[in-house]
PDB file of all heavy atoms in Angstrom:
ATOM      1  N   ASP A   1      95.358  55.192  82.724  1.00  0.00           N
ATOM      2  CA  ASP A   1      94.250  54.355  82.177  1.00  0.00           C
ATOM      3  C   ASP A   1      92.969  55.137  82.499  1.00  0.00           C
ATOM      4  O   ASP A   1      92.647  55.462  83.628  1.00  0.00           O
ATOM      5  CB  ASP A   1      94.215  53.007  82.882  1.00  0.00           C
ATOM      6  CG  ASP A   1      93.054  52.145  82.399  1.00  0.00           C
ATOM      7  OD1 ASP A   1      92.878  51.998  81.193  1.00  0.00           O
ATOM      8  OD2 ASP A   1      92.339  51.608  83.288  1.00  0.00           O
ATOM      9  N   GLN A   2      92.174  55.482  81.450  1.00  0.00           N
ATOM     10  CA  GLN A   2      91.039  56.362  81.641  1.00  0.00           C
ATOM     11  C   GLN A   2      89.900  55.673  82.417  1.00  0.00           C
ATOM     12  O   GLN A   2      89.171  56.366  83.113  1.00  0.00           O
ATOM     13  CB  GLN A   2      90.519  56.840  80.299  1.00  0.00           C
ATOM     14  CG  GLN A   2      91.501  57.836  79.643  1.00  0.00           C
ATOM     15  CD  GLN A   2      91.018  58.327  78.340  1.00  0.00           C
ATOM     16  OE1 GLN A   2      90.066  57.868  77.738  1.00  0.00           O
ATOM     17  NE2 GLN A   2      91.707  59.377  77.837  1.00  0.00           N
ATOM     18  N   LYS A   3      89.804  54.373  82.321  1.00  0.00           N
ATOM     19  CA  LYS A   3      88.714  53.666  83.033  1.00  0.00           C
ATOM     20  C   LYS A   3      88.957  53.621  84.531  1.00  0.00           C
ATOM     21  O   LYS A   3      88.064  53.919  85.313  1.00  0.00           O
ATOM     22  CB  LYS A   3      88.575  52.247  82.472  1.00  0.00           C
ATOM     23  CG  LYS A   3      87.369  51.519  83.017  1.00  0.00           C
ATOM     24  CD  LYS A   3      87.225  50.179  82.345  1.00  0.00           C
ATOM     25  CE  LYS A   3      85.981  49.433  82.845  1.00  0.00           C
ATOM     26  NZ  LYS A   3      85.880  48.143  82.202  1.00  0.00           N
ATOM     27  N   SER A   4      90.182  53.301  84.964  1.00  0.00           N
ATOM     28  CA  SER A   4      90.462  53.121  86.374  1.00  0.00           C
ATOM     29  C   SER A   4      91.154  54.308  87.028  1.00  0.00           C
ATOM     30  O   SER A   4      91.121  54.487  88.246  1.00  0.00           O
ATOM     31  CB  SER A   4      91.322  51.911  86.603  1.00  0.00           C
ATOM     32  OG  SER A   4      92.629  52.135  86.073  1.00  0.00           O
ATOM     33  N   GLY A   5      91.799  55.147  86.230  1.00  0.00           N
ATOM     34  CA  GLY A   5      92.585  56.272  86.766  1.00  0.00           C
ATOM     35  C   GLY A   5      93.964  55.855  87.191  1.00  0.00           C
ATOM     36  O   GLY A   5      94.722  56.664  87.733  1.00  0.00           O
ATOM     37  N   ALA A   6      94.359  54.613  86.973  1.00  0.00           N
ATOM     38  CA  ALA A   6      95.705  54.108  87.343  1.00  0.00           C
ATOM     39  C   ALA A   6      96.753  54.858  86.503  1.00  0.00           C
ATOM     40  O   ALA A   6      96.580  55.112  85.316  1.00  0.00           O
ATOM     41  CB  ALA A   6      95.773  52.637  87.150  1.00  0.00           C
ATOM     42  N   LYS A   7      97.852  55.144  87.149  1.00  0.00           N
ATOM     43  CA  LYS A   7      98.936  55.922  86.544  1.00  0.00           C
ATOM     44  C   LYS A   7     100.143  55.012  86.366  1.00  0.00           C
ATOM     45  O   LYS A   7     100.547  54.308  87.282  1.00  0.00           O
ATOM     46  CB  LYS A   7      99.254  57.085  87.442  1.00  0.00           C
ATOM     47  CG  LYS A   7     100.325  58.022  86.988  1.00  0.00           C
ATOM     48  CD  LYS A   7     100.419  59.145  87.992  1.00  0.00           C
ATOM     49  CE  LYS A   7     101.733  59.864  87.929  1.00  0.00           C
ATOM     50  NZ  LYS A   7     101.797  60.959  88.944  1.00  0.00           N
ATOM     51  N   PHE A   8     100.796  55.069  85.170  1.00  0.00           N
ATOM     52  CA  PHE A   8     101.947  54.249  84.867  1.00  0.00           C
ATOM     53  C   PHE A   8     103.107  55.139  84.464  1.00  0.00           C
ATOM     54  O   PHE A   8     102.949  56.020  83.629  1.00  0.00           O
ATOM     55  CB  PHE A   8     101.576  53.259  83.763  1.00  0.00           C
ATOM     56  CG  PHE A   8     100.425  52.366  84.122  1.00  0.00           C
ATOM     57  CD1 PHE A   8      99.130  52.745  83.872  1.00  0.00           C
ATOM     58  CD2 PHE A   8     100.639  51.156  84.702  1.00  0.00           C
ATOM     59  CE1 PHE A   8      98.058  51.943  84.222  1.00  0.00           C
ATOM     60  CE2 PHE A   8      99.583  50.326  85.098  1.00  0.00           C
ATOM     61  CZ  PHE A   8      98.285  50.725  84.820  1.00  0.00           C
ATOM     62  N   ILE A   9     104.281  54.805  84.977  1.00  0.00           N
ATOM     63  CA  ILE A   9     105.458  55.657  84.728  1.00  0.00           C
ATOM     64  C   ILE A   9     106.394  55.040  83.690  1.00  0.00           C
ATOM     65  O   ILE A   9     106.201  53.913  83.273  1.00  0.00           O
ATOM     66  CB  ILE A   9     106.221  55.927  86.044  1.00  0.00           C
ATOM     67  CG1 ILE A   9     106.803  54.616  86.609  1.00  0.00           C
ATOM     68  CG2 ILE A   9     105.363  56.621  87.059  1.00  0.00           C
ATOM     69  CD1 ILE A   9     107.789  54.795  87.749  1.00  0.00           C
ATOM     70  N   VAL A  10     107.417  55.817  83.348  1.00  0.00           N
ATOM     71  CA  VAL A  10     108.483  55.365  82.477  1.00  0.00           C
ATOM     72  C   VAL A  10     109.519  54.687  83.337  1.00  0.00           C
ATOM     73  O   VAL A  10     110.066  55.293  84.234  1.00  0.00           O
ATOM     74  CB  VAL A  10     109.102  56.525  81.677  1.00  0.00           C
ATOM     75  CG1 VAL A  10     110.269  56.069  80.845  1.00  0.00           C
ATOM     76  CG2 VAL A  10     108.052  57.236  80.843  1.00  0.00           C
ATOM     77  N   PRO A  11     109.828  53.408  83.095  1.00  0.00           N
ATOM     78  CA  PRO A  11     110.863  52.744  83.884  1.00  0.00           C
ATOM     79  C   PRO A  11     112.205  53.397  83.634  1.00  0.00           C
ATOM     80  O   PRO A  11     112.477  53.920  82.564  1.00  0.00           O
ATOM     81  CB  PRO A  11     110.868  51.290  83.367  1.00  0.00           C
ATOM     82  CG  PRO A  11     109.691  51.156  82.502  1.00  0.00           C
ATOM     83  CD  PRO A  11     109.226  52.524  82.121  1.00  0.00           C
ATOM     84  N   SER A  12     113.089  53.312  84.635  1.00  0.00           N
ATOM     85  CA  SER A  12     114.413  53.899  84.525  1.00  0.00           C
ATOM     86  C   SER A  12     115.447  52.943  85.125  1.00  0.00           C
ATOM     87  O   SER A  12     115.921  53.149  86.246  1.00  0.00           O
ATOM     88  CB  SER A  12     114.471  55.246  85.245  1.00  0.00           C
ATOM     89  OG  SER A  12     115.671  55.896  85.011  1.00  0.00           O
ATOM     90  N   PRO A  13     115.834  51.918  84.349  1.00  0.00           N
ATOM     91  CA  PRO A  13     116.838  50.961  84.871  1.00  0.00           C
ATOM     92  C   PRO A  13     118.134  51.693  85.105  1.00  0.00           C
ATOM     93  O   PRO A  13     118.494  52.589  84.365  1.00  0.00           O
ATOM     94  CB  PRO A  13     116.965  49.935  83.735  1.00  0.00           C
ATOM     95  CG  PRO A  13     115.764  50.094  82.886  1.00  0.00           C
ATOM     96  CD  PRO A  13     115.307  51.531  83.041  1.00  0.00           C
ATOM     97  N   PRO A  14     118.902  51.284  86.143  1.00  0.00           N
ATOM     98  CA  PRO A  14     120.115  51.937  86.513  1.00  0.00           C
ATOM     99  C   PRO A  14     121.177  52.085  85.416  1.00  0.00           C
ATOM    100  O   PRO A  14     121.746  53.155  85.219  1.00  0.00           O
ATOM    101  CB  PRO A  14     120.721  51.109  87.650  1.00  0.00           C
ATOM    102  CG  PRO A  14     119.608  50.257  88.122  1.00  0.00           C
ATOM    103  CD  PRO A  14     118.611  50.111  87.034  1.00  0.00           C
ATOM    104  N   LYS A  15     121.419  51.051  84.645  1.00  0.00           N
ATOM    105  CA  LYS A  15     122.449  51.167  83.614  1.00  0.00           C
ATOM    106  C   LYS A  15     121.971  51.783  82.337  1.00  0.00           C
ATOM    107  O   LYS A  15     122.798  52.347  81.564  1.00  0.00           O
ATOM    108  CB  LYS A  15     122.996  49.728  83.314  1.00  0.00           C
ATOM    109  CG  LYS A  15     123.799  49.184  84.454  1.00  0.00           C
ATOM    110  CD  LYS A  15     124.453  47.882  84.104  1.00  0.00           C
ATOM    111  CE  LYS A  15     125.285  47.356  85.237  1.00  0.00           C
ATOM    112  NZ  LYS A  15     126.001  46.150  84.917  1.00  0.00           N
ATOM    113  N   VAL A  16     120.675  51.714  82.059  1.00  0.00           N
ATOM    114  CA  VAL A  16     120.160  52.214  80.755  1.00  0.00           C
ATOM    115  C   VAL A  16     119.601  53.616  80.893  1.00  0.00           C
ATOM    116  O   VAL A  16     119.748  54.463  80.018  1.00  0.00           O
ATOM    117  CB  VAL A  16     119.071  51.263  80.238  1.00  0.00           C
ATOM    118  CG1 VAL A  16     118.490  51.759  78.935  1.00  0.00           C
ATOM    119  CG2 VAL A  16     119.619  49.875  80.065  1.00  0.00           C
ATOM    120  N   GLY A  17     118.944  53.909  82.024  1.00  0.00           N
ATOM    121  CA  GLY A  17     118.272  55.208  82.196  1.00  0.00           C
ATOM    122  C   GLY A  17     116.835  55.100  81.730  1.00  0.00           C
ATOM    123  O   GLY A  17     116.338  54.041  81.440  1.00  0.00           O
ATOM    124  N   ALA A  18     116.164  56.242  81.699  1.00  0.00           N
ATOM    125  CA  ALA A  18     114.733  56.296  81.354  1.00  0.00           C
ATOM    126  C   ALA A  18     114.530  55.743  79.933  1.00  0.00           C
ATOM    127  O   ALA A  18     115.289  56.040  79.029  1.00  0.00           O
ATOM    128  CB  ALA A  18     114.213  57.718  81.426  1.00  0.00           C
ATOM    129  N   LEU A  19     113.501  54.923  79.784  1.00  0.00           N
ATOM    130  CA  LEU A  19     113.190  54.316  78.510  1.00  0.00           C
ATOM    131  C   LEU A  19     112.369  55.277  77.613  1.00  0.00           C
ATOM    132  O   LEU A  19     111.218  55.026  77.333  1.00  0.00           O
ATOM    133  CB  LEU A  19     112.439  52.994  78.704  1.00  0.00           C
ATOM    134  CG  LEU A  19     113.191  51.918  79.496  1.00  0.00           C
ATOM    135  CD1 LEU A  19     112.342  50.677  79.632  1.00  0.00           C
ATOM    136  CD2 LEU A  19     114.527  51.614  78.820  1.00  0.00           C
ATOM    137  N   ARG A  20     113.047  56.354  77.233  1.00  0.00           N
ATOM    138  CA  ARG A  20     112.433  57.346  76.344  1.00  0.00           C
ATOM    139  C   ARG A  20     113.549  58.099  75.637  1.00  0.00           C
ATOM    140  O   ARG A  20     114.707  58.082  76.071  1.00  0.00           O
ATOM    141  CB  ARG A  20     111.578  58.333  77.151  1.00  0.00           C
ATOM    142  CG  ARG A  20     112.383  59.174  78.118  1.00  0.00           C
ATOM    143  CD  ARG A  20     111.550  60.104  78.903  1.00  0.00           C
ATOM    144  NE  ARG A  20     111.293  61.337  78.168  1.00  0.00           N
ATOM    145  CZ  ARG A  20     111.194  62.531  78.721  1.00  0.00           C
ATOM    146  NH1 ARG A  20     111.281  62.664  79.996  1.00  0.00           N
ATOM    147  NH2 ARG A  20     110.980  63.585  77.993  1.00  0.00           N
ATOM    148  N   THR A  21     113.197  58.720  74.541  1.00  0.00           N
ATOM    149  CA  THR A  21     114.174  59.488  73.768  1.00  0.00           C
ATOM    150  C   THR A  21     114.307  60.881  74.360  1.00  0.00           C
ATOM    151  O   THR A  21     113.322  61.582  74.548  1.00  0.00           O
ATOM    152  CB  THR A  21     113.711  59.602  72.299  1.00  0.00           C
ATOM    153  OG1 THR A  21     113.383  58.319  71.799  1.00  0.00           O
ATOM    154  CG2 THR A  21     114.806  60.185  71.464  1.00  0.00           C
ATOM    155  N   THR A  22     115.563  61.272  74.634  1.00  0.00           N
ATOM    156  CA  THR A  22     115.823  62.638  75.185  1.00  0.00           C
ATOM    157  C   THR A  22     116.989  63.292  74.447  1.00  0.00           C
ATOM    158  O   THR A  22     117.455  64.329  74.886  1.00  0.00           O
ATOM    159  CB  THR A  22     116.096  62.611  76.679  1.00  0.00           C
ATOM    160  OG1 THR A  22     117.162  61.700  76.937  1.00  0.00           O
ATOM    161  CG2 THR A  22     114.857  62.228  77.465  1.00  0.00           C
ATOM    162  N   ASN A  23     117.486  62.680  73.364  1.00  0.00           N
ATOM    163  CA  ASN A  23     118.628  63.272  72.652  1.00  0.00           C
ATOM    164  C   ASN A  23     118.118  64.348  71.664  1.00  0.00           C
ATOM    165  O   ASN A  23     116.975  64.744  71.713  1.00  0.00           O
ATOM    166  CB  ASN A  23     119.451  62.179  72.005  1.00  0.00           C
ATOM    167  CG  ASN A  23     118.610  61.260  71.155  1.00  0.00           C
ATOM    168  OD1 ASN A  23     117.405  61.306  71.195  1.00  0.00           O
ATOM    169  ND2 ASN A  23     119.268  60.379  70.422  1.00  0.00           N
ATOM    170  N   GLN A  24     118.982  64.792  70.807  1.00  0.00           N
ATOM    171  CA  GLN A  24     118.658  65.874  69.899  1.00  0.00           C
ATOM    172  C   GLN A  24     117.439  65.576  69.024  1.00  0.00           C
ATOM    173  O   GLN A  24     117.272  64.482  68.556  1.00  0.00           O
ATOM    174  CB  GLN A  24     119.829  66.188  68.985  1.00  0.00           C
ATOM    175  CG  GLN A  24     120.900  66.981  69.709  1.00  0.00           C
ATOM    176  CD  GLN A  24     121.836  67.637  68.706  1.00  0.00           C
ATOM    177  OE1 GLN A  24     122.174  67.026  67.700  1.00  0.00           O
ATOM    178  NE2 GLN A  24     122.230  68.867  69.006  1.00  0.00           N
ATOM    179  N   ILE A  25     116.667  66.612  68.847  1.00  0.00           N
ATOM    180  CA  ILE A  25     115.370  66.471  68.111  1.00  0.00           C
ATOM    181  C   ILE A  25     115.581  66.840  66.643  1.00  0.00           C
ATOM    182  O   ILE A  25     116.256  67.817  66.329  1.00  0.00           O
ATOM    183  CB  ILE A  25     114.360  67.437  68.679  1.00  0.00           C
ATOM    184  CG1 ILE A  25     114.313  67.335  70.190  1.00  0.00           C
ATOM    185  CG2 ILE A  25     112.976  67.191  68.106  1.00  0.00           C
ATOM    186  CD1 ILE A  25     113.872  68.610  70.834  1.00  0.00           C
ATOM    187  N   GLN A  26     115.004  66.066  65.755  1.00  0.00           N
ATOM    188  CA  GLN A  26     115.034  66.372  64.328  1.00  0.00           C
ATOM    189  C   GLN A  26     113.633  66.199  63.781  1.00  0.00           C
ATOM    190  O   GLN A  26     112.921  65.273  64.167  1.00  0.00           O
ATOM    191  CB  GLN A  26     115.980  65.395  63.616  1.00  0.00           C
ATOM    192  CG  GLN A  26     117.420  65.581  64.002  1.00  0.00           C
ATOM    193  CD  GLN A  26     118.331  64.640  63.246  1.00  0.00           C
ATOM    194  OE1 GLN A  26     117.910  63.882  62.400  1.00  0.00           O
ATOM    195  NE2 GLN A  26     119.620  64.643  63.587  1.00  0.00           N
ATOM    196  N   ALA A  27     113.262  67.114  62.902  1.00  0.00           N
ATOM    197  CA  ALA A  27     111.929  67.048  62.286  1.00  0.00           C
ATOM    198  C   ALA A  27     111.850  65.782  61.401  1.00  0.00           C
ATOM    199  O   ALA A  27     112.880  65.268  60.888  1.00  0.00           O
ATOM    200  CB  ALA A  27     111.676  68.287  61.457  1.00  0.00           C
ATOM    201  N   ASN A  28     110.627  65.286  61.251  1.00  0.00           N
ATOM    202  CA  ASN A  28     110.325  64.100  60.406  1.00  0.00           C
ATOM    203  C   ASN A  28     110.983  62.826  60.912  1.00  0.00           C
ATOM    204  O   ASN A  28     111.309  61.955  60.118  1.00  0.00           O
ATOM    205  CB  ASN A  28     110.653  64.373  58.955  1.00  0.00           C
ATOM    206  CG  ASN A  28     109.839  65.490  58.383  1.00  0.00           C
ATOM    207  OD1 ASN A  28     108.651  65.549  58.622  1.00  0.00           O
ATOM    208  ND2 ASN A  28     110.445  66.376  57.611  1.00  0.00           N
ATOM    209  N   ARG A  29     111.210  62.750  62.204  1.00  0.00           N
ATOM    210  CA  ARG A  29     111.737  61.522  62.843  1.00  0.00           C
ATOM    211  C   ARG A  29     110.701  61.041  63.881  1.00  0.00           C
ATOM    212  O   ARG A  29     110.046  61.812  64.513  1.00  0.00           O
ATOM    213  CB  ARG A  29     113.054  61.764  63.524  1.00  0.00           C
ATOM    214  CG  ARG A  29     114.201  61.860  62.593  1.00  0.00           C
ATOM    215  CD  ARG A  29     115.388  61.253  63.292  1.00  0.00           C
ATOM    216  NE  ARG A  29     116.366  60.897  62.270  1.00  0.00           N
ATOM    217  CZ  ARG A  29     117.605  60.646  62.584  1.00  0.00           C
ATOM    218  NH1 ARG A  29     118.025  60.770  63.819  1.00  0.00           N
ATOM    219  NH2 ARG A  29     118.458  60.298  61.647  1.00  0.00           N
ATOM    220  N   THR A  30     110.657  59.736  64.017  1.00  0.00           N
ATOM    221  CA  THR A  30     109.790  59.112  65.004  1.00  0.00           C
ATOM    222  C   THR A  30     110.532  58.844  66.278  1.00  0.00           C
ATOM    223  O   THR A  30     111.634  58.324  66.258  1.00  0.00           O
ATOM    224  CB  THR A  30     109.162  57.823  64.455  1.00  0.00           C
ATOM    225  OG1 THR A  30     108.398  58.158  63.255  1.00  0.00           O
ATOM    226  CG2 THR A  30     108.201  57.183  65.452  1.00  0.00           C
TER     227      THR A  30
END
């Protein structure tokens, strides 16, 4: 957060893992 400088991480629940995409990359995909 630019106003306060507070830092927020990516949650990583035990059964699901990090809530972000880390599989194979393809162009023109979101």
